[in-house]
């Protein structure tokens, strides 16, 4: 079994960067990372 990079998987499943579905994924993931940082600082 050949392994794939996370970028390759995102390209296959969510489309190339610039498509609406991929952009939504990137925005949602960025918000999630930000929430984790703020929650970690408040502990």
PDB file of N, CA and C in Angstrom:
ATOM      1  N   UNK A   1       0.845  -1.186   0.000  1.00  0.00           N
ATOM      2  CA  UNK A   1       0.000   0.000   0.000  1.00  0.00           C
ATOM      3  C   UNK A   1       0.886   1.244   0.000  1.00  0.00           C
ATOM      4  N   UNK A   2       0.627   2.135  -0.914  1.00  0.00           N
ATOM      5  CA  UNK A   2       1.397   3.368  -1.008  1.00  0.00           C
ATOM      6  C   UNK A   2       0.750   4.447  -0.143  1.00  0.00           C
ATOM      7  N   UNK A   3       1.562   5.154   0.614  1.00  0.00           N
ATOM      8  CA  UNK A   3       1.023   6.216   1.456  1.00  0.00           C
ATOM      9  C   UNK A   3       0.902   7.509   0.649  1.00  0.00           C
ATOM     10  N   UNK A   4      -0.037   8.345   1.074  1.00  0.00           N
ATOM     11  CA  UNK A   4      -0.265   9.624   0.406  1.00  0.00           C
ATOM     12  C   UNK A   4      -0.086  10.744   1.420  1.00  0.00           C
ATOM     13  N   UNK A   5       0.286  11.893   0.929  1.00  0.00           N
ATOM     14  CA  UNK A   5       0.409  13.051   1.810  1.00  0.00           C
ATOM     15  C   UNK A   5      -0.978  13.596   2.130  1.00  0.00           C
ATOM     16  N   UNK A   6      -1.067  14.368   3.214  1.00  0.00           N
ATOM     17  CA  UNK A   6      -2.334  14.976   3.599  1.00  0.00           C
ATOM     18  C   UNK A   6      -2.833  15.901   2.484  1.00  0.00           C
ATOM     19  N   UNK A   7      -1.919  16.616   1.845  1.00  0.00           N
ATOM     20  CA  UNK A   7      -2.293  17.519   0.748  1.00  0.00           C
ATOM     21  C   UNK A   7      -2.908  16.731  -0.408  1.00  0.00           C
ATOM     22  N   UNK A   8      -2.329  15.589  -0.741  1.00  0.00           N
ATOM     23  CA  UNK A   8      -2.853  14.771  -1.832  1.00  0.00           C
ATOM     24  C   UNK A   8      -4.249  14.243  -1.497  1.00  0.00           C
ATOM     25  N   UNK A   9      -4.448  13.851  -0.253  1.00  0.00           N
ATOM     26  CA  UNK A   9      -5.766  13.360   0.161  1.00  0.00           C
ATOM     27  C   UNK A   9      -6.793  14.486   0.087  1.00  0.00           C
ATOM     28  N   UNK A  10      -6.423  15.678   0.571  1.00  0.00           N
ATOM     29  CA  UNK A  10      -7.347  16.816   0.502  1.00  0.00           C
ATOM     30  C   UNK A  10      -7.682  17.145  -0.946  1.00  0.00           C
ATOM     31  N   UNK A  11      -6.690  17.094  -1.831  1.00  0.00           N
ATOM     32  CA  UNK A  11      -6.931  17.370  -3.252  1.00  0.00           C
ATOM     33  C   UNK A  11      -7.928  16.375  -3.837  1.00  0.00           C
ATOM     34  N   UNK A  12      -7.779  15.106  -3.490  1.00  0.00           N
ATOM     35  CA  UNK A  12      -8.673  14.074  -4.030  1.00  0.00           C
ATOM     36  C   UNK A  12     -10.084  14.187  -3.472  1.00  0.00           C
ATOM     37  N   UNK A  13     -10.205  14.394  -2.166  1.00  0.00           N
ATOM     38  CA  UNK A  13     -11.509  14.361  -1.511  1.00  0.00           C
ATOM     39  C   UNK A  13     -12.232  15.704  -1.612  1.00  0.00           C
ATOM     40  N   UNK A  14     -11.513  16.801  -1.373  1.00  0.00           N
ATOM     41  CA  UNK A  14     -12.145  18.123  -1.305  1.00  0.00           C
ATOM     42  C   UNK A  14     -11.887  18.991  -2.528  1.00  0.00           C
ATOM     43  N   UNK A  15     -11.101  18.523  -3.457  1.00  0.00           N
ATOM     44  CA  UNK A  15     -10.807  19.297  -4.658  1.00  0.00           C
ATOM     45  C   UNK A  15      -9.540  20.126  -4.492  1.00  0.00           C
ATOM     46  N   UNK A  16      -9.105  20.703  -5.572  1.00  0.00           N
ATOM     47  CA  UNK A  16      -7.898  21.526  -5.560  1.00  0.00           C
ATOM     48  C   UNK A  16      -8.146  22.809  -4.783  1.00  0.00           C
ATOM     49  N   UNK A  17      -7.050  23.428  -4.328  1.00  0.00           N
ATOM     50  CA  UNK A  17      -7.137  24.696  -3.617  1.00  0.00           C
ATOM     51  C   UNK A  17      -7.795  25.728  -4.530  1.00  0.00           C
ATOM     52  N   UNK A  18      -8.730  26.479  -3.977  1.00  0.00           N
ATOM     53  CA  UNK A  18      -9.454  27.470  -4.768  1.00  0.00           C
ATOM     54  C   UNK A  18     -10.892  27.081  -5.040  1.00  0.00           C
ATOM     55  N   UNK A  19     -11.227  25.805  -4.867  1.00  0.00           N
ATOM     56  CA  UNK A  19     -12.616  25.389  -5.033  1.00  0.00           C
ATOM     57  C   UNK A  19     -13.378  25.710  -3.747  1.00  0.00           C
ATOM     58  N   UNK A  20     -14.671  25.888  -3.860  1.00  0.00           N
ATOM     59  CA  UNK A  20     -15.490  26.300  -2.712  1.00  0.00           C
ATOM     60  C   UNK A  20     -15.406  25.290  -1.568  1.00  0.00           C
ATOM     61  N   UNK A  21     -15.492  24.010  -1.893  1.00  0.00           N
ATOM     62  CA  UNK A  21     -15.473  22.980  -0.846  1.00  0.00           C
ATOM     63  C   UNK A  21     -14.118  22.948  -0.124  1.00  0.00           C
ATOM     64  N   UNK A  22     -13.044  23.067  -0.874  1.00  0.00           N
ATOM     65  CA  UNK A  22     -11.698  23.052  -0.280  1.00  0.00           C
ATOM     66  C   UNK A  22     -11.466  24.303   0.564  1.00  0.00           C
ATOM     67  N   UNK A  23     -11.907  25.451   0.070  1.00  0.00           N
ATOM     68  CA  UNK A  23     -11.745  26.693   0.830  1.00  0.00           C
ATOM     69  C   UNK A  23     -12.503  26.638   2.153  1.00  0.00           C
ATOM     70  N   UNK A  24     -13.691  26.044   2.143  1.00  0.00           N
ATOM     71  CA  UNK A  24     -14.457  25.899   3.381  1.00  0.00           C
ATOM     72  C   UNK A  24     -13.713  25.000   4.364  1.00  0.00           C
ATOM     73  N   UNK A  25     -13.145  23.910   3.872  1.00  0.00           N
ATOM     74  CA  UNK A  25     -12.367  23.019   4.724  1.00  0.00           C
ATOM     75  C   UNK A  25     -11.200  23.771   5.362  1.00  0.00           C
ATOM     76  N   UNK A  26     -10.480  24.536   4.567  1.00  0.00           N
ATOM     77  CA  UNK A  26      -9.325  25.286   5.073  1.00  0.00           C
ATOM     78  C   UNK A  26      -9.753  26.312   6.125  1.00  0.00           C
ATOM     79  N   UNK A  27     -10.865  27.024   5.886  1.00  0.00           N
ATOM     80  CA  UNK A  27     -11.359  28.007   6.862  1.00  0.00           C
ATOM     81  C   UNK A  27     -11.774  27.334   8.157  1.00  0.00           C
ATOM     82  N   UNK A  28     -12.529  26.239   8.045  1.00  0.00           N
ATOM     83  CA  UNK A  28     -12.988  25.517   9.233  1.00  0.00           C
ATOM     84  C   UNK A  28     -11.812  24.974  10.038  1.00  0.00           C
ATOM     85  N   UNK A  29     -10.816  24.448   9.350  1.00  0.00           N
ATOM     86  CA  UNK A  29      -9.652  23.902  10.036  1.00  0.00           C
ATOM     87  C   UNK A  29      -8.866  25.010  10.739  1.00  0.00           C
ATOM     88  N   UNK A  30      -8.766  26.162  10.103  1.00  0.00           N
ATOM     89  CA  UNK A  30      -8.059  27.295  10.708  1.00  0.00           C
ATOM     90  C   UNK A  30      -8.786  27.764  11.973  1.00  0.00           C
ATOM     91  N   UNK A  31     -10.124  27.817  11.916  1.00  0.00           N
ATOM     92  CA  UNK A  31     -10.902  28.194  13.105  1.00  0.00           C
ATOM     93  C   UNK A  31     -10.705  27.184  14.225  1.00  0.00           C
ATOM     94  N   UNK A  32     -10.686  25.905  13.900  1.00  0.00           N
ATOM     95  CA  UNK A  32     -10.496  24.856  14.891  1.00  0.00           C
ATOM     96  C   UNK A  32      -9.128  24.996  15.572  1.00  0.00           C
ATOM     97  N   UNK A  33      -8.093  25.233  14.789  1.00  0.00           N
ATOM     98  CA  UNK A  33      -6.752  25.411  15.358  1.00  0.00           C
ATOM     99  C   UNK A  33      -6.714  26.623  16.281  1.00  0.00           C
ATOM    100  N   UNK A  34      -7.378  27.703  15.884  1.00  0.00           N
ATOM    101  CA  UNK A  34      -7.418  28.911  16.700  1.00  0.00           C
ATOM    102  C   UNK A  34      -8.115  28.651  18.023  1.00  0.00           C
ATOM    103  N   UNK A  35      -9.212  27.907  18.002  1.00  0.00           N
ATOM    104  CA  UNK A  35      -9.936  27.578  19.232  1.00  0.00           C
ATOM    105  C   UNK A  35      -9.061  26.770  20.174  1.00  0.00           C
ATOM    106  N   UNK A  36      -8.295  25.825  19.640  1.00  0.00           N
ATOM    107  CA  UNK A  36      -7.413  25.024  20.477  1.00  0.00           C
ATOM    108  C   UNK A  36      -6.349  25.893  21.140  1.00  0.00           C
ATOM    109  N   UNK A  37      -5.810  26.840  20.389  1.00  0.00           N
ATOM    110  CA  UNK A  37      -4.781  27.723  20.950  1.00  0.00           C
ATOM    111  C   UNK A  37      -5.365  28.558  22.077  1.00  0.00           C
ATOM    112  N   UNK A  38      -6.538  29.145  21.885  1.00  0.00           N
ATOM    113  CA  UNK A  38      -7.157  29.969  22.911  1.00  0.00           C
ATOM    114  C   UNK A  38      -7.541  29.142  24.144  1.00  0.00           C
ATOM    115  N   UNK A  39      -8.046  27.929  23.923  1.00  0.00           N
ATOM    116  CA  UNK A  39      -8.401  27.070  25.041  1.00  0.00           C
ATOM    117  C   UNK A  39      -7.151  26.654  25.826  1.00  0.00           C
ATOM    118  N   UNK A  40      -6.068  26.405  25.132  1.00  0.00           N
ATOM    119  CA  UNK A  40      -4.836  26.010  25.794  1.00  0.00           C
ATOM    120  C   UNK A  40      -4.293  27.155  26.646  1.00  0.00           C
ATOM    121  N   UNK A  41      -4.405  28.388  26.146  1.00  0.00           N
ATOM    122  CA  UNK A  41      -3.918  29.563  26.888  1.00  0.00           C
ATOM    123  C   UNK A  41      -4.756  29.837  28.122  1.00  0.00           C
ATOM    124  N   UNK A  42      -6.037  29.479  28.094  1.00  0.00           N
ATOM    125  CA  UNK A  42      -6.915  29.785  29.217  1.00  0.00           C
ATOM    126  C   UNK A  42      -6.821  28.762  30.342  1.00  0.00           C
ATOM    127  N   UNK A  43      -6.112  27.679  30.102  1.00  0.00           N
ATOM    128  CA  UNK A  43      -5.997  26.637  31.139  1.00  0.00           C
ATOM    129  C   UNK A  43      -5.009  27.035  32.203  1.00  0.00           C
TER     130      UNK A  43
END
